[in-house]
Amino acid sequence: MTLTLDTAARSLESLGNPLRLSIYRMLVRSGSQGLPVGRIQAQLGVPGSTLSHHIAQLVQHGMIEQHREGRSLRCVPNFERMNALIEFLTEECCQGCP
């Protein structure tokens, strides 16, 4: 996956909020299994509506995915997007430096 400048900027923007970054880091720690939304809410202690808003931003910009499991939603980090973003940020490292 190769990111454009605009896509990379939107991905970084979605992580540019302390709560969203906390959610994302929690999900990365959980691995490819992700976490149910209820568990994220319990660990962070935020209202459901606030959490939903921030999760929606991460989903919209492709940083996480959501999967329905019966009555609950599971959030899973999009490792392919994360790795593409890291690659985008470092692809020109040390080029043009004396």
Protein backbone atom coordinates (compact mmCIF):
# COMPACT_ATOMS: atom_id res chain seq x y z
CA MET A 1 0.00 0.00 0.00
CA THR A 2 1.42 3.35 -1.05
CA LEU A 3 0.03 6.51 0.50
CA THR A 4 -0.37 9.86 -1.20
CA LEU A 5 0.54 13.04 0.61
CA ASP A 6 -3.16 13.77 1.24
CA THR A 7 -3.88 10.28 2.57
CA ALA A 8 -0.86 10.40 4.86
CA ALA A 9 -1.91 13.83 6.14
CA ARG A 10 -5.45 12.60 6.89
CA SER A 11 -4.06 9.53 8.68
CA LEU A 12 -1.80 11.69 10.80
CA GLU A 13 -4.65 14.10 11.46
CA SER A 14 -6.78 11.23 12.77
CA LEU A 15 -4.02 10.40 15.26
CA GLY A 16 -3.52 14.06 16.22
CA ASN A 17 -5.85 13.96 19.21
CA PRO A 18 -4.71 12.59 22.59
CA LEU A 19 -7.75 10.36 23.04
CA ARG A 20 -7.61 8.98 19.49
CA LEU A 21 -3.89 8.34 19.86
CA SER A 22 -4.57 6.52 23.16
CA ILE A 23 -7.25 4.39 21.48
CA TYR A 24 -4.94 3.58 18.59
CA ARG A 25 -1.99 2.67 20.80
CA MET A 26 -4.24 0.47 22.94
CA LEU A 27 -5.41 -1.33 19.81
CA VAL A 28 -1.88 -1.77 18.49
CA ARG A 29 -0.91 -3.34 21.82
CA SER A 30 -3.87 -5.71 21.52
CA GLY A 31 -2.54 -7.04 18.21
CA SER A 32 -4.57 -8.32 15.30
CA GLN A 33 -7.37 -9.48 17.63
CA GLY A 34 -8.26 -5.91 18.53
CA LEU A 35 -10.64 -5.05 21.35
CA PRO A 36 -14.38 -4.74 21.84
CA VAL A 37 -15.57 -1.13 22.08
CA GLY A 38 -16.91 -1.79 25.60
CA ARG A 39 -13.47 -2.81 26.82
CA ILE A 40 -11.88 0.29 25.27
CA GLN A 41 -14.49 2.44 26.98
CA ALA A 42 -13.95 0.73 30.34
CA GLN A 43 -10.17 1.12 30.15
CA LEU A 44 -10.27 4.77 29.10
CA GLY A 45 -13.26 5.80 31.20
CA VAL A 46 -14.85 8.00 28.54
CA PRO A 47 -18.55 8.37 27.69
CA GLY A 48 -19.81 6.12 24.90
CA SER A 49 -20.76 9.01 22.62
CA THR A 50 -17.29 10.55 22.95
CA LEU A 51 -15.63 7.23 22.23
CA SER A 52 -17.87 6.60 19.22
CA HIS A 53 -16.95 9.99 17.75
CA HIS A 54 -13.22 9.33 18.06
CA ILE A 55 -13.43 5.76 16.81
CA ALA A 56 -15.40 6.99 13.78
CA GLN A 57 -12.54 9.37 12.92
CA LEU A 58 -10.00 6.53 13.07
CA VAL A 59 -12.23 4.31 10.94
CA GLN A 60 -12.90 7.08 8.42
CA HIS A 61 -9.19 7.58 7.84
CA GLY A 62 -8.39 3.88 7.65
CA MET A 63 -6.36 3.57 10.83
CA ILE A 64 -8.71 1.01 12.36
CA GLU A 65 -11.47 -1.30 11.20
CA GLN A 66 -14.61 -2.36 13.03
CA HIS A 67 -16.22 -5.78 12.94
CA ARG A 68 -19.63 -6.61 14.36
CA GLU A 69 -19.72 -9.58 16.73
CA GLY A 70 -23.32 -10.13 17.67
CA ARG A 71 -24.38 -7.03 19.57
CA SER A 72 -20.89 -5.61 20.05
CA LEU A 73 -18.27 -4.01 17.83
CA ARG A 74 -14.63 -5.03 17.80
CA CYS A 75 -12.00 -2.49 16.77
CA VAL A 76 -8.89 -3.79 15.04
CA PRO A 77 -5.84 -1.75 14.08
CA ASN A 78 -5.10 -1.56 10.37
CA PHE A 79 -1.46 -2.62 10.45
CA GLU A 80 -1.13 -2.31 6.69
CA ARG A 81 -2.08 1.40 6.89
CA MET A 82 0.18 1.92 9.92
CA ASN A 83 3.16 0.40 8.12
CA ALA A 84 2.42 2.38 4.96
CA LEU A 85 2.30 5.58 7.01
CA ILE A 86 5.62 4.79 8.68
CA GLU A 87 7.12 3.98 5.28
CA PHE A 88 5.76 7.24 3.83
CA LEU A 89 7.33 9.22 6.68
CA THR A 90 10.72 7.58 6.33
CA GLU A 91 11.02 6.86 2.60
CA GLU A 92 13.21 9.87 1.89
CA CYS A 93 15.26 9.63 5.05
CA CYS A 94 18.76 11.07 4.68
CA GLN A 95 18.35 11.82 0.98
CA GLY A 96 19.77 15.18 0.07
CA CYS A 97 21.77 15.52 3.26
CA PRO A 98 25.47 16.24 2.86
